[in-house]
N, C-alpha and C. Protein backbone atom coordinates (compact mmCIF):
# COMPACT_ATOMS: atom_id res chain seq x y z
N MET A 1 106.48 93.96 95.98
CA MET A 1 106.26 92.57 96.70
C MET A 1 104.87 92.34 96.88
N GLY A 2 104.28 91.31 96.32
CA GLY A 2 102.81 90.92 96.74
C GLY A 2 102.72 90.50 98.14
N ASN A 3 101.67 90.36 98.87
CA ASN A 3 101.34 89.82 100.10
C ASN A 3 102.11 88.54 100.43
N GLN A 4 101.73 87.64 99.74
CA GLN A 4 102.04 86.28 99.84
C GLN A 4 103.70 86.19 99.64
N GLU A 5 104.23 87.27 98.85
CA GLU A 5 105.46 87.33 98.77
C GLU A 5 106.36 87.61 99.96
N ALA A 6 105.51 88.17 100.77
CA ALA A 6 106.11 88.75 102.06
C ALA A 6 106.42 87.84 103.03
N VAL A 7 105.66 86.73 102.93
CA VAL A 7 105.84 85.78 103.96
C VAL A 7 107.07 85.37 104.48
N PRO A 8 108.07 85.02 103.53
CA PRO A 8 109.42 84.43 103.96
C PRO A 8 110.09 85.74 104.92
N ALA A 9 109.87 86.84 104.30
CA ALA A 9 110.71 87.97 105.42
C ALA A 9 109.91 88.02 106.51
N LEU A 10 108.46 88.21 106.72
CA LEU A 10 107.72 87.88 107.95
C LEU A 10 108.45 86.99 108.75
N ILE A 11 108.44 85.71 108.25
CA ILE A 11 108.95 84.57 109.09
C ILE A 11 110.26 85.04 109.66
N ILE A 12 111.13 85.50 108.94
CA ILE A 12 112.59 85.87 109.40
C ILE A 12 112.37 86.68 110.45
N VAL A 13 111.60 87.77 110.45
CA VAL A 13 111.53 88.76 111.58
C VAL A 13 110.75 88.63 112.70
N LEU A 14 110.08 87.39 112.68
CA LEU A 14 109.31 86.58 113.89
C LEU A 14 110.64 86.51 115.03
N ASN A 15 111.76 86.45 114.30
CA ASN A 15 112.63 86.09 115.37
C ASN A 15 113.70 87.51 115.68
N ASP A 16 113.18 88.61 115.48
CA ASP A 16 113.80 89.95 115.45
C ASP A 16 113.99 90.23 117.06
N LYS A 17 115.07 91.03 117.28
CA LYS A 17 115.26 91.22 118.89
C LYS A 17 114.28 92.35 119.19
N ASP A 18 113.78 93.26 118.39
CA ASP A 18 112.82 94.14 118.62
C ASP A 18 111.54 93.48 118.79
N ARG A 19 110.93 93.55 119.95
CA ARG A 19 109.57 93.08 120.35
C ARG A 19 108.42 93.63 119.32
N PHE A 20 108.39 94.76 119.02
CA PHE A 20 107.20 95.60 118.28
C PHE A 20 107.56 95.17 116.71
N VAL A 21 108.85 94.59 116.34
CA VAL A 21 108.83 94.08 114.98
C VAL A 21 108.24 92.48 114.84
N ARG A 22 108.72 91.72 115.95
CA ARG A 22 107.95 90.48 116.04
C ARG A 22 106.54 90.57 116.15
N ARG A 23 106.11 91.43 116.82
CA ARG A 23 104.53 91.49 117.11
C ARG A 23 104.04 91.96 115.73
N ARG A 24 104.54 93.02 114.98
CA ARG A 24 103.98 93.44 113.46
C ARG A 24 104.05 91.98 112.62
N ALA A 25 105.20 91.54 112.86
CA ALA A 25 105.14 90.18 111.84
C ALA A 25 104.15 89.29 112.33
N ALA A 26 103.80 89.05 113.29
CA ALA A 26 102.75 87.90 113.94
C ALA A 26 101.54 88.37 113.43
N LYS A 27 101.41 89.76 113.53
CA LYS A 27 100.02 90.33 113.22
C LYS A 27 99.79 90.30 111.67
N ALA A 28 100.79 90.60 110.79
CA ALA A 28 100.74 90.52 109.37
C ALA A 28 100.52 89.04 108.93
N LEU A 29 101.04 88.01 109.60
CA LEU A 29 100.87 86.55 109.21
C LEU A 29 99.53 86.22 109.47
N THR A 30 98.97 86.78 110.39
CA THR A 30 97.59 86.44 110.89
C THR A 30 96.58 86.65 109.64
N HIS A 31 96.83 87.73 108.75
CA HIS A 31 96.10 88.40 107.56
C HIS A 31 96.31 87.44 106.50
N LEU A 32 97.68 86.86 106.36
CA LEU A 32 98.12 86.37 104.98
C LEU A 32 97.84 84.87 104.89
N ASN A 33 97.52 84.11 105.99
CA ASN A 33 96.77 82.64 105.95
C ASN A 33 97.68 81.70 105.24
N ASN A 34 98.83 81.69 105.40
CA ASN A 34 100.01 81.04 104.70
C ASN A 34 100.57 79.84 105.40
N GLN A 35 100.25 78.56 104.88
CA GLN A 35 100.69 77.32 105.52
C GLN A 35 102.18 77.26 105.65
N SER A 36 102.97 78.02 105.10
CA SER A 36 104.57 77.95 105.32
C SER A 36 104.76 78.61 106.76
N ALA A 37 103.96 79.33 107.12
CA ALA A 37 104.23 80.17 108.34
C ALA A 37 103.93 79.25 109.57
N VAL A 38 103.35 78.03 109.46
CA VAL A 38 102.62 77.30 110.63
C VAL A 38 103.90 77.14 111.58
N VAL A 39 104.99 76.57 111.28
CA VAL A 39 105.97 76.15 112.17
C VAL A 39 106.50 77.36 112.85
N PRO A 40 107.04 78.29 112.05
CA PRO A 40 107.42 79.68 112.89
C PRO A 40 106.44 80.35 113.94
N LEU A 41 105.28 80.03 113.64
CA LEU A 41 104.24 80.53 114.44
C LEU A 41 103.84 79.72 115.67
N MET A 42 104.08 78.47 115.42
CA MET A 42 104.24 77.60 116.39
C MET A 42 105.42 77.96 117.45
N ASN A 43 106.56 78.21 117.06
CA ASN A 43 107.76 78.65 117.81
C ASN A 43 107.35 79.80 118.57
N ALA A 44 106.71 80.80 117.82
CA ALA A 44 106.41 82.03 118.36
C ALA A 44 105.51 82.03 119.54
N LEU A 45 104.81 80.82 119.84
CA LEU A 45 103.98 80.80 120.94
C LEU A 45 104.90 80.83 122.35
N HIS A 46 105.98 80.83 122.25
CA HIS A 46 107.14 80.87 123.33
C HIS A 46 107.54 82.05 123.47
N ASP A 47 107.42 83.02 122.58
CA ASP A 47 107.95 84.29 122.62
C ASP A 47 107.63 85.05 123.91
N PRO A 48 108.47 85.81 124.58
CA PRO A 48 108.47 86.52 125.88
C PRO A 48 107.35 87.59 125.87
N GLU A 49 107.20 87.92 124.48
CA GLU A 49 106.13 88.97 124.42
C GLU A 49 104.63 88.55 124.15
N ARG A 50 103.79 88.89 125.10
CA ARG A 50 102.49 88.49 125.12
C ARG A 50 101.76 88.86 123.75
N LYS A 51 102.00 89.88 123.27
CA LYS A 51 101.20 90.39 121.93
C LYS A 51 101.56 89.42 120.58
N VAL A 52 103.00 88.90 120.70
CA VAL A 52 103.38 88.11 120.07
C VAL A 52 102.75 86.63 119.80
N ARG A 53 102.60 86.12 121.08
CA ARG A 53 102.03 84.90 121.48
C ARG A 53 100.60 84.80 120.87
N TYR A 54 99.86 85.87 121.24
CA TYR A 54 98.28 85.77 121.05
C TYR A 54 98.23 86.04 119.43
N ARG A 55 99.13 86.75 118.72
CA ARG A 55 98.82 87.19 117.46
C ARG A 55 99.29 85.79 116.67
N SER A 56 100.25 85.19 117.22
CA SER A 56 100.55 83.74 116.64
C SER A 56 99.51 82.60 116.82
N ALA A 57 98.72 82.59 117.89
CA ALA A 57 97.58 81.79 118.11
C ALA A 57 96.60 82.02 117.08
N GLU A 58 96.34 83.35 117.06
CA GLU A 58 95.09 83.88 115.97
C GLU A 58 95.60 83.30 114.60
N ALA A 59 96.70 83.43 114.17
CA ALA A 59 97.33 83.19 112.77
C ALA A 59 97.03 81.62 112.70
N LEU A 60 97.38 80.66 113.75
CA LEU A 60 97.31 79.45 113.70
C LEU A 60 95.99 79.10 113.51
N GLY A 61 95.16 79.51 114.20
CA GLY A 61 93.72 79.40 114.23
C GLY A 61 93.01 79.67 112.81
N LYS A 62 93.63 80.80 112.17
CA LYS A 62 93.07 81.00 111.00
C LYS A 62 93.67 79.95 109.68
N ILE A 63 94.89 79.74 109.82
CA ILE A 63 95.40 78.82 108.88
C ILE A 63 94.75 77.50 109.24
N GLY A 64 94.45 76.93 110.41
CA GLY A 64 93.70 75.69 110.42
C GLY A 64 94.59 74.52 110.51
N ASP A 65 95.82 74.36 110.61
CA ASP A 65 96.63 73.06 110.49
C ASP A 65 96.67 72.55 111.76
N LYS A 66 96.04 71.03 111.79
CA LYS A 66 96.12 70.31 113.04
C LYS A 66 97.60 70.17 113.57
N GLN A 67 98.55 70.18 112.97
CA GLN A 67 99.85 70.01 113.67
C GLN A 67 100.11 71.17 114.68
N ALA A 68 99.33 72.45 114.54
CA ALA A 68 99.55 73.43 115.59
C ALA A 68 98.74 72.75 116.83
N VAL A 69 97.74 72.06 116.99
CA VAL A 69 97.25 71.57 118.07
C VAL A 69 98.06 71.43 119.35
N PRO A 70 99.07 70.45 119.23
CA PRO A 70 99.75 70.36 120.60
C PRO A 70 100.49 71.31 121.06
N PRO A 71 101.07 72.38 120.14
CA PRO A 71 101.86 73.61 120.80
C PRO A 71 100.52 74.65 121.48
N LEU A 72 99.52 74.61 120.67
CA LEU A 72 98.23 75.48 121.15
C LEU A 72 97.77 74.78 122.67
N LEU A 73 97.89 73.63 122.74
CA LEU A 73 97.31 72.80 123.79
C LEU A 73 98.38 73.03 125.12
N ASN A 74 99.63 73.27 124.80
CA ASN A 74 100.63 73.48 125.53
C ASN A 74 100.59 74.99 126.05
N THR A 75 100.13 76.02 125.15
CA THR A 75 99.89 77.43 125.54
C THR A 75 98.67 77.64 126.11
N LEU A 76 97.88 76.73 126.41
CA LEU A 76 96.54 76.80 127.36
C LEU A 76 97.10 77.32 128.93
N ASN A 77 98.29 77.11 129.27
CA ASN A 77 98.75 77.42 130.42
C ASN A 77 99.42 78.89 130.63
N ASP A 78 99.48 79.54 129.48
CA ASP A 78 100.04 80.55 129.79
C ASP A 78 99.51 81.73 130.78
N PRO A 79 100.50 82.47 131.34
CA PRO A 79 100.19 83.45 132.32
C PRO A 79 99.03 84.43 131.99
N SER A 80 99.08 84.81 130.68
CA SER A 80 98.24 85.78 130.00
C SER A 80 96.94 85.17 129.75
N ARG A 81 95.85 85.83 130.29
CA ARG A 81 94.58 85.57 129.88
C ARG A 81 94.24 85.93 128.67
N THR A 82 94.74 87.07 128.00
CA THR A 82 94.36 87.21 126.45
C THR A 82 95.03 86.06 125.68
N VAL A 83 96.35 85.63 126.01
CA VAL A 83 96.85 84.50 125.15
C VAL A 83 95.90 83.28 125.44
N ARG A 84 95.51 82.69 126.52
CA ARG A 84 94.71 81.80 126.82
C ARG A 84 93.50 81.64 125.99
N ARG A 85 92.71 82.82 126.06
CA ARG A 85 91.60 82.95 125.48
C ARG A 85 91.73 82.88 123.90
N LYS A 86 92.74 83.41 123.28
CA LYS A 86 93.07 83.55 121.76
C LYS A 86 93.46 81.93 121.28
N VAL A 87 94.13 81.34 122.46
CA VAL A 87 94.45 79.94 121.97
C VAL A 87 93.26 78.94 121.88
N ILE A 88 92.11 79.20 122.83
CA ILE A 88 90.98 78.57 122.92
C ILE A 88 90.08 78.82 121.75
N ILE A 89 90.20 80.04 121.30
CA ILE A 89 89.53 80.22 119.80
C ILE A 89 90.18 79.70 118.78
N ALA A 90 91.48 79.79 118.59
CA ALA A 90 92.24 78.97 117.66
C ALA A 90 92.13 77.45 117.59
N LEU A 91 91.79 76.93 118.72
CA LEU A 91 91.72 75.28 118.88
C LEU A 91 90.25 75.17 118.26
N GLY A 92 89.21 76.06 118.82
CA GLY A 92 87.89 76.10 118.27
C GLY A 92 87.88 75.80 116.63
N LEU A 93 88.67 76.92 116.02
CA LEU A 93 88.52 77.08 114.63
C LEU A 93 89.17 75.88 113.88
N ILE A 94 90.32 75.27 114.63
CA ILE A 94 90.90 73.87 114.03
C ILE A 94 89.88 72.88 114.10
N GLY A 95 89.26 72.69 115.46
CA GLY A 95 88.34 71.61 115.31
C GLY A 95 88.92 70.31 115.90
N SER A 96 90.01 70.09 116.33
CA SER A 96 90.74 68.99 116.89
C SER A 96 89.80 68.54 117.82
N GLU A 97 89.45 67.16 118.08
CA GLU A 97 88.78 66.69 119.08
C GLU A 97 89.75 66.43 120.55
N GLU A 98 91.00 66.55 120.51
CA GLU A 98 92.02 66.34 121.47
C GLU A 98 91.87 67.59 122.15
N ALA A 99 91.26 68.70 121.58
CA ALA A 99 91.19 69.96 122.41
C ALA A 99 90.09 70.00 123.48
N VAL A 100 88.81 68.97 123.43
CA VAL A 100 87.74 69.18 124.17
C VAL A 100 88.16 69.24 125.55
N ALA A 101 88.86 68.04 125.95
CA ALA A 101 89.08 68.27 127.52
C ALA A 101 89.83 69.11 128.14
N PRO A 102 91.15 69.82 127.42
CA PRO A 102 91.83 70.92 127.92
C PRO A 102 90.78 72.31 127.81
N ILE A 103 90.01 72.36 126.87
CA ILE A 103 89.05 73.38 126.93
C ILE A 103 88.01 73.33 128.04
N THR A 104 87.64 72.28 128.17
CA THR A 104 86.47 72.22 129.22
C THR A 104 87.08 72.31 130.53
N TRP A 105 88.46 71.78 130.76
CA TRP A 105 89.10 72.44 132.05
C TRP A 105 89.30 73.95 132.18
N ARG A 106 89.23 74.74 130.96
CA ARG A 106 89.41 76.10 131.16
C ARG A 106 88.13 76.84 131.53
N LEU A 107 86.96 76.02 131.52
CA LEU A 107 85.67 76.48 132.23
C LEU A 107 86.03 77.01 133.59
N ARG A 108 86.94 76.52 134.28
CA ARG A 108 87.41 76.74 135.63
C ARG A 108 88.46 78.05 135.82
N ASP A 109 88.94 78.44 134.64
CA ASP A 109 89.91 79.52 134.54
C ASP A 109 89.53 80.53 135.40
N THR A 110 90.68 81.32 135.94
CA THR A 110 90.22 82.38 136.83
C THR A 110 89.83 83.50 136.10
N SER A 111 89.95 83.52 134.72
CA SER A 111 89.58 84.88 134.04
C SER A 111 88.09 84.63 133.40
N SER A 112 87.30 85.49 133.66
CA SER A 112 85.90 85.29 133.05
C SER A 112 85.88 85.17 131.43
N GLN A 113 86.93 86.13 130.88
CA GLN A 113 87.17 85.98 129.58
C GLN A 113 87.56 84.84 128.99
N VAL A 114 88.32 84.11 129.69
CA VAL A 114 88.97 82.74 129.16
C VAL A 114 87.53 81.91 129.43
N ARG A 115 87.17 81.76 130.52
CA ARG A 115 85.90 80.88 130.69
C ARG A 115 84.64 81.05 129.61
N SER A 116 84.44 82.27 129.39
CA SER A 116 83.49 82.67 128.43
C SER A 116 83.85 81.96 126.96
N ALA A 117 85.13 82.23 126.67
CA ALA A 117 85.69 81.73 125.42
C ALA A 117 85.71 80.18 125.19
N ALA A 118 85.88 79.60 126.42
CA ALA A 118 85.72 78.02 126.35
C ALA A 118 84.47 77.39 126.33
N GLU A 119 83.46 78.09 127.09
CA GLU A 119 82.12 77.89 126.91
C GLU A 119 81.69 77.94 125.53
N HIS A 120 82.05 79.20 124.82
CA HIS A 120 81.43 79.46 123.66
C HIS A 120 81.79 78.32 122.69
N VAL A 121 83.27 78.01 122.84
CA VAL A 121 83.76 77.06 121.63
C VAL A 121 83.29 75.87 121.85
N LEU A 122 83.06 75.38 123.11
CA LEU A 122 82.56 73.76 123.47
C LEU A 122 81.11 73.94 123.02
N LYS A 123 80.32 75.03 123.15
CA LYS A 123 78.84 74.94 122.57
C LYS A 123 78.77 74.97 121.24
N HIS A 124 79.60 75.62 120.65
CA HIS A 124 79.25 75.94 119.18
C HIS A 124 80.24 74.96 118.33
N GLN A 125 81.46 74.40 118.59
CA GLN A 125 82.35 73.59 117.97
C GLN A 125 82.29 72.34 118.33
N PHE A 126 82.19 72.02 119.37
CA PHE A 126 82.31 70.60 120.06
C PHE A 126 81.10 70.10 120.59
N ASN A 127 79.80 70.51 120.36
CA ASN A 127 78.73 70.23 120.72
C ASN A 127 78.22 68.71 120.09
N PRO A 128 78.17 67.56 120.98
CA PRO A 128 78.04 66.28 120.37
C PRO A 128 76.52 66.21 119.69
N SER A 129 75.54 66.92 120.07
CA SER A 129 74.24 66.84 119.51
C SER A 129 74.28 67.41 118.14
N ARG A 130 75.18 68.14 117.59
CA ARG A 130 75.29 68.95 116.29
C ARG A 130 75.69 67.71 115.32
N PRO A 131 74.86 67.49 114.32
CA PRO A 131 75.16 66.43 113.28
C PRO A 131 76.78 67.07 112.56
N GLY A 132 77.53 66.11 112.50
CA GLY A 132 78.83 66.52 111.84
C GLY A 132 79.63 67.20 112.63
N MET A 133 79.82 67.10 113.71
CA MET A 133 80.20 67.85 114.91
C MET A 133 81.54 68.68 114.56
N ARG A 134 81.82 68.88 113.73
CA ARG A 134 83.31 69.71 113.42
C ARG A 134 84.31 68.92 112.82
N LYS A 135 84.32 68.43 111.78
CA LYS A 135 85.10 67.71 111.14
C LYS A 135 86.22 68.34 110.65
N ASN A 136 86.31 68.48 109.35
CA ASN A 136 87.13 69.34 108.48
C ASN A 136 86.46 70.68 108.20
N ARG A 137 87.33 71.51 108.30
CA ARG A 137 86.76 73.02 107.76
C ARG A 137 87.56 73.47 106.52
N SER A 138 86.97 73.91 105.53
CA SER A 138 87.74 74.30 104.30
C SER A 138 88.28 75.90 104.62
N ARG A 139 87.36 76.84 105.09
CA ARG A 139 87.49 78.10 105.26
C ARG A 139 86.96 78.77 106.43
N ASN A 140 87.56 79.58 107.27
CA ASN A 140 86.86 79.97 108.34
C ASN A 140 86.10 81.21 107.96
N LYS A 141 84.90 81.53 108.50
CA LYS A 141 84.22 82.84 108.38
C LYS A 141 85.02 83.97 108.88
N ILE A 142 85.14 85.08 108.32
CA ILE A 142 85.82 86.09 108.86
C ILE A 142 84.70 87.15 109.11
N CYS A 143 85.16 87.77 110.34
CA CYS A 143 84.09 88.81 110.92
C CYS A 143 84.29 90.18 110.10
N PRO A 144 82.95 90.66 109.75
CA PRO A 144 83.17 91.89 108.69
C PRO A 144 83.59 93.38 109.34
N HIS A 145 83.74 93.05 111.00
CA HIS A 145 83.99 94.36 111.73
C HIS A 145 85.51 94.39 112.13
N CYS A 146 86.16 93.18 112.74
CA CYS A 146 87.35 93.16 112.81
C CYS A 146 88.15 92.30 112.03
N HIS A 147 87.87 91.70 111.15
CA HIS A 147 88.60 91.00 110.00
C HIS A 147 89.32 89.68 110.84
N LYS A 148 88.69 88.96 111.88
CA LYS A 148 89.29 87.97 112.36
C LYS A 148 88.36 86.83 112.17
N PRO A 149 88.89 85.52 112.21
CA PRO A 149 88.10 84.43 112.00
C PRO A 149 87.08 84.31 113.23
N VAL A 150 85.93 83.90 112.87
CA VAL A 150 84.67 83.53 113.66
C VAL A 150 84.39 82.07 113.61
N ILE A 151 83.85 81.56 114.84
CA ILE A 151 83.24 80.12 114.76
C ILE A 151 82.07 80.08 114.03
N PRO A 152 81.96 79.18 113.08
CA PRO A 152 80.67 79.10 112.30
C PRO A 152 79.67 78.62 113.07
N ASN A 153 78.47 79.08 112.55
CA ASN A 153 77.16 78.78 113.32
C ASN A 153 77.04 79.70 114.67
N THR A 154 77.64 81.01 114.74
CA THR A 154 77.44 81.71 115.97
C THR A 154 76.78 82.97 115.44
N ASN A 155 76.43 83.73 116.36
CA ASN A 155 75.69 85.06 116.23
C ASN A 155 76.66 86.29 116.47
N TYR A 156 77.73 85.88 117.03
CA TYR A 156 78.71 86.97 117.45
C TYR A 156 80.30 86.66 117.31
N CYS A 157 81.13 87.68 117.03
CA CYS A 157 82.33 87.52 116.80
C CYS A 157 83.00 87.30 118.27
N PRO A 158 83.47 86.37 118.64
CA PRO A 158 84.39 86.16 119.98
C PRO A 158 85.59 87.36 120.03
N SER A 159 86.00 87.65 119.04
CA SER A 159 87.15 88.64 119.20
C SER A 159 86.78 90.08 119.71
N CYS A 160 85.61 90.65 118.84
CA CYS A 160 85.29 92.01 119.05
C CYS A 160 83.93 91.96 119.60
N GLY A 161 83.15 91.00 119.63
CA GLY A 161 81.85 90.95 120.15
C GLY A 161 80.67 91.48 119.11
N ALA A 162 80.87 91.84 118.10
CA ALA A 162 80.14 92.37 117.05
C ALA A 162 78.94 91.31 116.60
N SER A 163 77.75 91.72 116.50
CA SER A 163 76.71 90.90 116.00
C SER A 163 76.80 90.36 114.56
N LEU A 164 76.77 89.11 114.23
CA LEU A 164 77.04 88.60 112.82
C LEU A 164 75.57 88.18 112.30
N SER A 165 74.40 88.74 113.00
CA SER A 165 73.00 88.38 112.45
C SER A 165 72.68 89.21 111.32
């Protein structure tokens, strides 16, 4: 079975009763970047397992479908700081203008990691002084170290902190 052929099976196991299976499915979908996984990943943002939620946010950011913006915005209130940080990064990768105010609000988050991610995304993705402030994106740049999407025009990966210079 090829990688893309695994997507339907991974979508099914996103609802498995075993949290470890759901976590692995969400992680695998992050690497496959398949449009058919968008709705199941949006639903997985409500999973009781924190790692499933943040992996789903990562995958949605990588896929970049704007229909994921409202569920991602709702997930900005997640009790897990890791989930909130991953959601902010995903919203930055998608680049929807409706995310600016909610991300700005996260500059007051109790977690320094969330505040840092919000500041980074606002500075590099939604900076009005930049020409062509983030309209549509065709492909995300991928970090060569952790293989996760990074925000264009930055010098470091927000996921692993590796220098991209």
